[in-house]
Amino acid sequence: MNNSSVLWQKNPALAWREIDETTVIISPSDSVMHELNDTGSFLWKNIDGYKSAADLAALLAENYEVAPDVALTDTQSLLEEMSSRKLLVLVPATVGESR
């Protein structure tokens, strides 16, 4: 799924907390703990159901010293990884269209 315009949202079934620069996410259904580093935590904080991978990558490039194309590639990779771990879900098309 290499579409930079897809909208993502955090899986509402998850519990998460920020500790210093790290975000810890718990999947209550299987009791798995996920830990995000500083940049992963930055992206997690900005995933709101209204931003695409391109929007998130632009924020990453603005806030970290990273080229926009590298930020987009890294952001898409992280979003896909989070999705495969069921930390993120796609925003239903009707929600995204009502922006």
Protein backbone atom coordinates (compact mmCIF):
# COMPACT_ATOMS: atom_id res chain seq x y z
CA MET A 1 0.00 0.00 0.00
CA ASN A 2 2.22 2.80 -1.25
CA ASN A 3 -0.41 5.55 -1.44
CA SER A 4 0.68 8.77 0.23
CA SER A 5 -2.87 10.18 0.21
CA VAL A 6 -4.49 7.43 2.34
CA LEU A 7 -5.69 8.74 5.71
CA TRP A 8 -4.77 6.88 8.90
CA GLN A 9 -6.05 6.92 12.44
CA LYS A 10 -4.90 5.29 15.66
CA ASN A 11 -6.64 2.03 16.44
CA PRO A 12 -9.23 3.10 19.04
CA ALA A 13 -8.85 -0.20 20.94
CA LEU A 14 -5.29 0.66 21.99
CA ALA A 15 -4.00 2.20 25.19
CA TRP A 16 -0.92 4.41 24.91
CA ARG A 17 1.20 6.77 26.95
CA GLU A 18 4.11 9.12 26.35
CA ILE A 19 7.13 8.66 28.60
CA ASP A 20 9.83 11.24 27.92
CA GLU A 21 10.47 11.07 24.15
CA THR A 22 9.07 7.54 23.85
CA THR A 23 5.51 6.41 23.16
CA VAL A 24 4.44 3.09 24.62
CA ILE A 25 1.40 1.44 23.04
CA ILE A 26 -0.43 -1.54 24.54
CA SER A 27 -2.66 -3.83 22.50
CA PRO A 28 -5.17 -4.97 25.13
CA SER A 29 -6.51 -7.82 23.01
CA ASP A 30 -3.16 -9.63 22.97
CA SER A 31 -1.23 -7.78 25.74
CA VAL A 32 1.57 -6.80 23.37
CA MET A 33 3.61 -3.67 24.14
CA HIS A 34 5.03 -1.53 21.32
CA GLU A 35 7.61 1.18 21.90
CA LEU A 36 8.19 4.05 19.46
CA ASN A 37 11.36 6.11 19.30
CA ASP A 38 11.44 9.92 19.08
CA THR A 39 10.50 10.21 15.40
CA GLY A 40 7.95 7.40 15.63
CA SER A 41 6.43 9.15 18.64
CA PHE A 42 6.34 12.43 16.72
CA LEU A 43 4.42 10.80 13.90
CA TRP A 44 2.11 8.96 16.35
CA LYS A 45 1.19 12.27 18.03
CA ASN A 46 0.28 13.74 14.64
CA ILE A 47 -1.82 10.83 13.34
CA ASP A 48 -5.32 12.19 13.73
CA GLY A 49 -7.42 10.66 10.96
CA TYR A 50 -7.11 13.79 8.81
CA LYS A 51 -3.48 13.62 7.71
CA SER A 52 -2.10 11.50 4.89
CA ALA A 53 1.40 10.03 4.77
CA ALA A 54 2.39 13.03 2.65
CA ASP A 55 1.05 15.44 5.30
CA LEU A 56 2.84 13.58 8.08
CA ALA A 57 6.07 13.42 6.07
CA ALA A 58 5.92 17.19 5.50
CA LEU A 59 5.65 17.70 9.27
CA LEU A 60 8.55 15.32 9.83
CA ALA A 61 10.71 17.17 7.28
CA GLU A 62 9.83 20.51 8.91
CA ASN A 63 10.68 19.36 12.43
CA TYR A 64 13.70 17.13 11.75
CA GLU A 65 16.64 17.64 9.44
CA VAL A 66 15.50 15.23 6.76
CA ALA A 67 14.87 15.65 3.05
CA PRO A 68 11.17 15.59 2.04
CA ASP A 69 11.55 12.51 -0.19
CA VAL A 70 13.34 10.58 2.56
CA ALA A 71 10.71 11.71 5.08
CA LEU A 72 7.93 10.43 2.80
CA THR A 73 9.58 7.05 2.24
CA ASP A 74 10.28 6.62 5.96
CA THR A 75 6.79 7.77 6.94
CA GLN A 76 5.08 5.40 4.51
CA SER A 77 7.23 2.53 5.76
CA LEU A 78 6.41 3.27 9.40
CA LEU A 79 2.67 3.66 8.71
CA GLU A 80 2.60 0.33 6.88
CA GLU A 81 4.50 -1.35 9.73
CA MET A 82 2.09 0.12 12.32
CA SER A 83 -0.84 -1.00 10.19
CA SER A 84 0.51 -4.55 9.94
CA ARG A 85 0.74 -4.59 13.75
CA LYS A 86 -2.86 -3.29 13.96
CA LEU A 87 -1.79 -0.04 15.65
CA LEU A 88 -3.35 2.02 12.86
CA VAL A 89 -6.48 1.63 10.81
CA LEU A 90 -7.57 3.29 7.60
CA VAL A 91 -10.01 6.15 7.92
CA PRO A 92 -13.33 5.20 6.32
CA ALA A 93 -13.67 6.98 2.97
CA THR A 94 -16.77 8.91 4.05
CA VAL A 95 -14.90 10.41 7.04
CA GLY A 96 -11.93 11.46 4.92
CA GLU A 97 -14.18 12.97 2.26
CA SER A 98 -16.02 15.20 4.75
CA ARG A 99 -12.92 17.23 5.59
